[in-house]
Each structure stands twice: as C-alpha cells, then as structure tokens.
Protein backbone atom coordinates (compact mmCIF):
# COMPACT_ATOMS: atom_id res chain seq x y z
CA UNK A 1 100.91 76.33 125.31
CA UNK A 2 104.11 77.81 126.75
CA UNK A 3 107.09 78.17 124.45
CA UNK A 4 110.78 78.25 125.33
CA UNK A 5 112.06 81.72 124.41
CA UNK A 6 115.75 82.39 124.88
CA UNK A 7 116.45 85.84 126.35
CA UNK A 8 119.68 87.68 125.56
CA UNK A 9 119.40 91.19 126.97
CA UNK A 10 121.57 94.11 125.93
CA UNK A 11 124.10 95.40 128.44
CA UNK A 12 123.83 98.97 127.14
CA UNK A 13 120.32 100.39 126.89
CA UNK A 14 119.86 103.24 124.41
CA UNK A 15 116.98 104.69 126.44
CA UNK A 16 119.07 107.49 127.94
CA UNK A 17 119.93 108.76 124.45
CA UNK A 18 116.39 109.72 123.43
CA UNK A 19 113.46 111.87 124.49
CA UNK A 20 110.90 109.10 124.06
CA UNK A 21 107.94 111.44 124.63
CA UNK A 22 108.84 113.42 121.52
CA UNK A 23 110.21 110.74 119.22
CA UNK A 24 109.60 111.19 115.49
CA UNK A 25 107.46 108.43 114.07
CA UNK A 26 109.48 105.43 112.89
CA UNK A 27 112.96 106.78 113.64
CA UNK A 28 113.71 105.55 117.19
CA UNK A 29 113.82 101.87 118.19
CA UNK A 30 113.78 100.14 121.56
CA UNK A 31 116.50 97.89 122.91
CA UNK A 32 115.26 94.42 121.91
CA UNK A 33 113.48 92.36 119.27
CA UNK A 34 111.85 88.95 119.16
CA UNK A 35 112.99 86.54 116.45
CA UNK A 36 111.70 83.18 115.18
CA UNK A 37 112.47 80.96 112.20
CA UNK A 38 110.31 78.66 110.09
CA UNK A 39 111.80 75.56 108.46
CA UNK A 40 110.75 71.95 107.84
CA UNK A 41 107.12 72.89 108.42
CA UNK A 42 107.45 74.38 111.92
CA UNK A 43 108.38 77.53 113.82
CA UNK A 44 111.51 77.23 115.95
CA UNK A 45 114.51 79.07 117.46
CA UNK A 46 112.59 81.61 119.52
CA UNK A 47 114.67 84.37 121.07
CA UNK A 48 114.67 87.91 122.35
CA UNK A 49 117.90 89.65 121.51
CA UNK A 50 119.29 93.18 121.21
CA UNK A 51 117.79 95.19 118.36
CA UNK A 52 120.21 95.30 115.48
CA UNK A 53 120.97 94.45 111.85
CA UNK A 54 120.00 91.13 110.32
CA UNK A 55 122.07 89.33 107.69
CA UNK A 56 120.57 88.56 104.28
CA UNK A 57 121.95 86.93 101.17
CA UNK A 58 121.61 89.04 97.99
CA UNK A 59 119.53 86.13 96.68
CA UNK A 60 116.97 86.43 99.48
CA UNK A 61 113.61 85.70 97.89
CA UNK A 62 111.81 88.61 99.60
CA UNK A 63 114.20 91.18 98.14
CA UNK A 64 113.22 90.11 94.64
CA UNK A 65 109.58 89.01 94.86
CA UNK A 66 108.19 90.79 97.92
CA UNK A 67 106.90 87.83 99.91
CA UNK A 68 106.42 89.65 103.20
CA UNK A 69 103.67 90.76 105.57
CA UNK A 70 103.57 92.96 108.64
CA UNK A 71 101.38 94.44 111.35
CA UNK A 72 101.23 97.75 113.19
CA UNK A 73 100.25 97.88 116.86
CA UNK A 74 100.69 100.11 119.88
CA UNK A 75 101.40 99.62 123.57
CA UNK A 76 100.27 102.24 126.09
CA UNK A 77 100.32 102.40 129.86
CA UNK A 78 97.77 103.12 132.55
CA UNK A 79 98.00 105.76 135.27
CA UNK A 80 100.17 103.45 137.37
CA UNK A 81 102.63 102.81 134.55
CA UNK A 82 101.46 99.27 133.74
CA UNK A 83 101.92 98.32 130.06
CA UNK A 84 98.79 97.54 128.03
CA UNK A 85 98.29 96.05 124.57
CA UNK A 86 95.30 96.72 122.34
CA UNK A 87 93.22 94.05 120.55
CA UNK A 88 95.87 91.35 120.36
CA UNK A 89 93.47 88.82 118.84
CA UNK A 90 92.57 91.04 115.90
CA UNK A 91 96.18 91.80 115.05
CA UNK A 92 97.39 88.20 114.93
CA UNK A 93 94.24 87.20 113.03
CA UNK A 94 94.87 89.89 110.41
CA UNK A 95 98.55 89.02 110.15
CA UNK A 96 97.68 85.40 109.47
CA UNK A 97 95.07 86.39 106.85
CA UNK A 98 97.76 88.43 105.14
CA UNK A 99 100.21 85.53 105.39
CA UNK A 100 97.72 83.10 103.87
CA UNK A 101 97.11 85.43 100.90
CA UNK A 102 100.86 85.71 100.35
CA UNK A 103 101.46 81.95 100.47
CA UNK A 104 103.13 82.05 103.87
CA UNK A 105 102.69 79.93 107.02
CA UNK A 106 100.48 81.14 109.86
CA UNK A 107 102.11 82.18 113.11
CA UNK A 108 100.67 80.58 116.29
CA UNK A 109 98.47 83.05 118.18
CA UNK A 110 99.59 81.81 121.61
CA UNK A 111 103.25 82.18 120.64
CA UNK A 112 102.56 85.67 119.28
CA UNK A 113 100.90 86.71 122.54
CA UNK A 114 103.66 85.22 124.70
CA UNK A 115 106.47 86.74 122.65
CA UNK A 116 104.87 90.17 122.48
CA UNK A 117 104.08 90.26 126.19
CA UNK A 118 107.65 89.24 127.05
CA UNK A 119 109.18 91.76 124.65
CA UNK A 120 107.04 94.63 125.97
CA UNK A 121 107.72 93.61 129.57
CA UNK A 122 111.46 93.83 128.89
CA UNK A 123 111.27 97.20 127.11
CA UNK A 124 108.30 98.67 129.01
CA UNK A 125 110.35 101.70 130.08
CA UNK A 126 110.32 102.73 126.40
CA UNK A 127 106.56 103.34 126.56
CA UNK A 128 106.14 107.14 126.48
CA UNK A 129 103.46 109.24 128.12
CA UNK A 130 100.13 109.62 126.30
CA UNK A 131 99.30 110.69 123.66
CA UNK A 132 102.60 109.20 122.47
CA UNK A 133 102.86 105.40 122.49
CA UNK A 134 105.14 102.45 121.87
CA UNK A 135 104.70 101.35 118.27
CA UNK A 136 105.03 97.61 117.66
CA UNK A 137 106.03 96.17 114.29
CA UNK A 138 105.65 92.39 113.82
CA UNK A 139 106.68 91.19 110.35
CA UNK A 140 107.34 87.97 108.46
CA UNK A 141 109.42 87.53 105.33
CA UNK A 142 110.70 84.80 103.01
CA UNK A 143 114.17 83.53 103.90
CA UNK A 144 115.04 81.19 101.00
CA UNK A 145 118.20 81.84 99.02
CA UNK A 146 116.62 81.39 95.61
CA UNK A 147 116.08 83.37 92.41
CA UNK A 148 112.82 82.05 91.03
CA UNK A 149 109.16 82.91 91.36
CA UNK A 150 107.76 80.55 93.95
CA UNK A 151 106.81 80.61 97.59
CA UNK A 152 109.68 80.29 100.03
CA UNK A 153 110.12 77.17 102.16
CA UNK A 154 111.74 79.08 105.02
CA UNK A 155 110.69 82.29 106.76
CA UNK A 156 111.75 84.66 109.51
CA UNK A 157 109.43 86.41 111.95
CA UNK A 158 110.53 89.45 113.93
CA UNK A 159 108.88 91.90 116.33
CA UNK A 160 110.55 95.19 117.20
CA UNK A 161 109.25 98.32 118.90
CA UNK A 162 109.89 102.04 119.18
CA UNK A 163 108.36 105.10 120.84
CA UNK A 164 106.32 107.35 118.55
CA UNK A 165 104.47 110.63 118.67
CA UNK A 166 101.83 111.73 116.14
CA UNK A 167 102.03 110.27 112.63
CA UNK A 168 100.46 113.43 111.22
CA UNK A 169 101.30 116.69 112.92
CA UNK A 170 98.50 118.65 111.21
CA UNK A 171 95.22 118.00 109.35
CA UNK A 172 95.83 116.28 106.03
CA UNK A 173 95.12 117.30 102.45
CA UNK A 174 93.92 114.49 100.18
CA UNK A 175 94.14 114.16 96.41
CA UNK A 176 91.66 111.80 94.78
CA UNK A 177 93.36 109.23 92.54
CA UNK A 178 92.52 109.60 88.86
CA UNK A 179 95.24 107.64 87.07
CA UNK A 180 96.81 105.08 89.42
CA UNK A 181 95.08 102.50 91.62
CA UNK A 182 96.18 100.79 94.81
CA UNK A 183 94.10 97.59 94.62
CA UNK A 184 91.44 95.80 92.58
CA UNK A 185 89.08 92.89 93.21
CA UNK A 186 90.93 89.61 93.37
CA UNK A 187 94.19 91.31 94.33
CA UNK A 188 95.93 91.66 97.66
CA UNK A 189 94.37 94.93 98.82
CA UNK A 190 93.19 93.47 102.12
CA UNK A 191 96.62 92.02 102.97
CA UNK A 192 99.14 94.08 104.90
CA UNK A 193 101.95 93.25 102.52
CA UNK A 194 104.91 95.28 101.31
CA UNK A 195 103.82 95.43 97.68
CA UNK A 196 100.60 97.27 98.51
CA UNK A 197 102.63 100.15 99.87
CA UNK A 198 105.35 100.04 97.22
CA UNK A 199 102.72 100.54 94.52
CA UNK A 200 101.64 103.83 96.09
CA UNK A 201 105.07 105.47 96.39
CA UNK A 202 105.44 106.92 92.89
CA UNK A 203 101.93 108.47 92.80
CA UNK A 204 102.50 109.74 96.35
CA UNK A 205 105.68 111.48 95.23
CA UNK A 206 103.66 113.28 92.56
CA UNK A 207 100.91 114.22 95.03
CA UNK A 208 103.46 115.45 97.56
CA UNK A 209 105.01 117.80 95.03
CA UNK A 210 101.51 119.18 94.44
CA UNK A 211 101.15 119.94 98.13
CA UNK A 212 99.09 116.93 99.26
CA UNK A 213 99.74 114.67 102.24
CA UNK A 214 98.04 111.52 100.96
CA UNK A 215 96.09 110.06 98.06
CA UNK A 216 92.51 108.93 98.42
CA UNK A 217 92.60 105.66 96.49
CA UNK A 218 89.69 104.69 94.27
CA UNK A 219 88.31 101.55 92.66
CA UNK A 220 89.67 100.50 89.27
CA UNK A 221 86.90 102.46 87.51
CA UNK A 222 87.63 105.51 89.71
CA UNK A 223 84.01 105.60 90.87
CA UNK A 224 84.20 104.37 94.46
CA UNK A 225 86.32 105.42 97.42
CA UNK A 226 88.66 102.83 98.91
CA UNK A 227 91.19 104.12 101.48
CA UNK A 228 94.39 106.07 101.96
CA UNK A 229 97.66 104.22 102.00
CA UNK A 230 98.03 104.67 105.75
CA UNK A 231 94.44 104.64 107.00
CA UNK A 232 90.79 103.83 106.41
CA UNK A 233 88.41 106.69 105.64
CA UNK A 234 85.23 107.93 107.30
CA UNK A 235 82.77 110.55 106.05
CA UNK A 236 80.17 112.29 108.21
CA UNK A 237 77.24 113.24 106.00
CA UNK A 238 74.24 114.93 107.60
CA UNK A 239 74.86 113.19 110.94
CA UNK A 240 75.47 109.75 109.41
CA UNK A 241 78.90 108.15 109.47
CA UNK A 242 79.77 106.43 106.19
CA UNK A 243 82.84 104.27 105.55
CA UNK A 244 83.76 102.16 102.51
CA UNK A 245 82.94 98.47 102.83
CA UNK A 246 85.76 95.94 102.98
CA UNK A 247 83.65 93.20 101.37
CA UNK A 248 85.45 93.41 98.00
CA UNK A 249 88.84 92.54 99.48
CA UNK A 250 90.41 95.75 98.17
CA UNK A 251 90.60 97.56 101.53
CA UNK A 252 92.59 96.73 104.63
CA UNK A 253 90.30 95.68 107.48
CA UNK A 254 91.52 98.29 109.90
CA UNK A 255 91.42 97.47 113.60
CA UNK A 256 91.02 101.13 114.51
CA UNK A 257 88.24 101.25 111.88
CA UNK A 258 86.46 98.32 113.52
CA UNK A 259 86.91 99.87 116.97
CA UNK A 260 85.40 103.16 115.78
CA UNK A 261 82.40 101.41 114.26
CA UNK A 262 81.82 99.61 117.56
CA UNK A 263 82.05 102.85 119.57
CA UNK A 264 79.73 104.70 117.20
CA UNK A 265 77.07 102.00 117.34
CA UNK A 266 77.29 101.90 121.12
CA UNK A 267 76.63 105.65 121.19
CA UNK A 268 73.64 105.26 118.87
CA UNK A 269 75.24 107.04 115.92
CA UNK A 270 74.18 105.67 112.55
CA UNK A 271 77.05 103.92 110.72
CA UNK A 272 76.90 102.75 107.12
CA UNK A 273 79.51 100.33 105.76
CA UNK A 274 78.94 100.36 102.01
CA UNK A 275 80.28 101.36 98.64
CA UNK A 276 80.85 105.11 98.62
CA UNK A 277 80.63 106.85 95.24
CA UNK A 278 82.82 109.91 94.89
CA UNK A 279 79.87 111.76 93.36
CA UNK A 280 78.04 111.38 96.67
CA UNK A 281 80.90 113.08 98.49
CA UNK A 282 80.99 115.95 95.99
CA UNK A 283 77.23 116.40 96.23
CA UNK A 284 77.29 116.39 100.03
CA UNK A 285 79.98 119.06 99.98
CA UNK A 286 78.00 121.17 97.53
CA UNK A 287 74.82 121.06 99.60
CA UNK A 288 76.62 121.64 102.89
CA UNK A 289 76.03 118.23 104.50
CA UNK A 290 79.63 116.97 104.38
CA UNK A 291 80.42 117.63 108.04
CA UNK A 292 83.66 115.72 108.47
CA UNK A 293 86.20 113.54 106.68
CA UNK A 294 88.84 111.73 108.71
CA UNK A 295 91.23 108.84 108.51
CA UNK A 296 91.49 106.01 111.04
CA UNK A 297 94.52 103.83 111.67
CA UNK A 298 96.85 102.49 114.33
CA UNK A 299 99.56 105.02 113.47
CA UNK A 300 97.32 108.04 112.94
CA UNK A 301 94.40 107.08 115.27
CA UNK A 302 92.29 109.97 113.92
CA UNK A 303 93.64 112.10 111.07
CA UNK A 304 91.30 115.00 110.27
CA UNK A 305 91.09 115.93 106.60
CA UNK A 306 91.20 119.67 105.98
CA UNK A 307 90.91 119.55 102.20
CA UNK A 308 89.88 116.98 99.56
CA UNK A 309 90.52 117.54 95.86
CA UNK A 310 88.58 115.68 93.17
CA UNK A 311 89.62 116.55 89.61
CA UNK A 312 89.55 120.35 89.53
CA UNK A 313 87.24 120.69 92.54
CA UNK A 314 88.84 121.59 95.87
CA UNK A 315 86.57 120.75 98.80
CA UNK A 316 87.39 122.60 102.02
CA UNK A 317 86.16 120.87 105.16
CA UNK A 318 84.66 122.52 108.27
CA UNK A 319 86.96 123.67 111.10
CA UNK A 320 88.47 120.81 113.14
CA UNK A 321 87.26 122.27 116.43
CA UNK A 322 83.60 121.72 115.55
CA UNK A 323 83.85 118.08 114.45
CA UNK A 324 82.22 116.35 117.39
CA UNK A 325 82.14 112.77 116.08
CA UNK A 326 85.82 112.37 115.22
CA UNK A 327 86.75 114.25 118.41
CA UNK A 328 84.65 111.80 120.45
CA UNK A 329 86.23 108.77 118.75
CA UNK A 330 89.78 109.94 119.33
CA UNK A 331 89.16 110.77 122.98
CA UNK A 332 87.22 107.60 123.73
CA UNK A 333 89.76 105.28 122.14
CA UNK A 334 92.63 107.09 123.83
CA UNK A 335 90.87 106.82 127.19
CA UNK A 336 90.31 103.08 126.76
CA UNK A 337 93.97 102.58 125.80
CA UNK A 338 95.15 104.52 128.86
CA UNK A 339 92.76 102.85 131.28
CA UNK A 340 90.96 106.14 132.01
CA UNK A 341 87.72 104.65 130.64
CA UNK A 342 86.30 101.20 131.35
CA UNK A 343 87.33 98.53 128.86
CA UNK A 344 83.78 97.52 127.95
CA UNK A 345 84.77 95.33 124.99
CA UNK A 346 87.72 93.40 126.46
CA UNK A 347 90.10 95.11 124.05
CA UNK A 348 92.93 95.65 126.54
CA UNK A 349 95.54 93.05 127.48
CA UNK A 350 97.54 94.09 130.54
CA UNK A 351 101.18 93.08 130.46
CA UNK A 352 102.78 91.59 133.55
CA UNK A 353 106.35 92.71 134.12
CA UNK A 354 108.31 89.45 134.20
CA UNK A 355 110.87 89.09 136.98
CA UNK A 356 113.20 87.36 134.52
CA UNK A 357 112.98 90.39 132.27
C-alpha cells in the first residue's frame, strides 16, 4: 500500500556546518524527520518536515509514566554512493513487539518502509563514509494530556537521523552487576523501551566513577549473564561461541546479535544460545580458555571487552589483535553493509533516490 506523505523540505541545510565523517555519536542530526500521529484507532497525518523541536504539554503521559518505545538502525552506502538500509523487516518487527508489550498500537510495516526510504533518500548526503554511518532513530510515544496511570489513546511516531562514528572509541571494561538488576522474568527486558535504560543510569554512574565503561547485567539471582545496557554479549570459550539465550524475555533480541549468529553458523563455527552462568566465565578465564568477550549492537557493531570484573576478581582478556572470531564478524558485517560482500541473506534494502526529494 502507498501512503500519502506530505514533504516540507528545509531551505537551509545544516550539512555544510559539520564534518559528518567524524561526528560524535548522538550529537549531530540531519535536516529532516518523519512524523505521524495516531488517534481514533488509526495512523494519520504523515509528513516529512525539517528536524526541530516538538511541542509537549507538561501533562504529556509519556513524561510521567514512560510509555515509549524506540529502535536503532543504520544506513550505509555502497561504492557508488547509493544508500542502503539493513534488515528493515527485523527492526519494524521488534519495534512492534516492544509497542505491544507497552500497550501501544503497532505501526504498519509498509508505511515504516516507505517513510524510512523517503527520509533517507532526502537526507542521503548525510550518510558518511565507512566505517561511520547514518544512525536512524524511530520512536513512538504517548501523546495524551492526562495525569493518570493508563495507556494513552493517542500517540506520535517520529523518525530522525544523524551521522555517527564509533560508539566506543576503545575496548570496554565491564563490571558485573552485584546489587542492581536491569530486568527479570515477566518484565519488559526484551522491549526497547525508555524505562529499561532509565533503570541502568544510577548504577552506571557508580560504575563509571570506578573506571568502568558498562555494567554486565545479571539475572535477579545474580547467577546468569544477561546483557549490557547497549549491547548483547558473546563469549568465545575454547573455540565455541556462547551467548545468553533470549528465551526468558529479559534480554533484547539484538539484530546484530542475530546477524552474527547467522554468520558464525554459515562459517561452521559452533554457536551456543543458552543460559550462561558467571561461574563458567570465571572458570574459563582461570584455565585459559576464555579467548574473547565482545558486545554486539547496532551502535557498537563489535565492542571488544578488555577487562571483566566479577566481585574482587579482575579478568584481563587476550590482546584485541589476536581475536579472530570477533574480527571476522565485524569485517564481514561491515562488508555486507557496504556492498563489498555479496548479500547472501537478503539483509540489504537499497534506497532509490526519489526525484521529488
């Protein structure tokens, strides 16, 4: 189905004001955004307009009760400069799973694809050279003016973009959670919702003051590894790749995670998706079989872990240069996203530059 999307382009592009190939993550935004509204049981009022502030009443339901969800995606370009999007179907599917868990309406997949393609085609000049990329942030939030704990009847949906370089500029140091938890069974751990991230901020402040970059979140009994707040985790133990299972609903079903699992299996590398006890990680480090620990996510892609602390035990990881599996994954995914390697899994959606754009 084709939707009518009103286009109101800016007359003054900000592109000339920035070095998009060296933009700090999350601080520079492209010229336009897509907007839609939900009321009376349907999505309506579709438009692309200049990026800018939105007006909210102080009684906006989201500001008080956190009814919001979001996604994180990237656009890259091939050697000829053509824009490309990665795994569109998985992103809209995950966004709608998050929305369902938060009592929000689903967003039509065909409208999502059309809006995103149009937005990227308008702002395609903002896509930087690899390994930088154009980060894409779709999000939905409650729009009711109401102070009371209930689901909103009206919602807003927005997509904006911005050029980004590396999320982490160096290997990360992780602190294993021992007091606070991110998610438990029956909660909203698998949903990409604001509250999941808000709950991690205070413990992260503590960890940061101790010299750590992220917290490795654990199950409610502090026995099993879950994820970091910004990425899923992988462990390479004696040639096997192990990653925590998402079956409990406490871990975000990462799209980069899924892509890595697919690439590893294709290469014949053994992958285990299961519960991962922290004692297993400590034991593997002690006997010298913990070969690699790395995070996987849209923002970070691959984030090598240099050090992991559990209680009073500091586990130093092998040099980054010798970690063949995570190196392979980063290079292979980057090559697929840039068109340098064949898209064997139909992950890439090429964007046509619209003449009306």
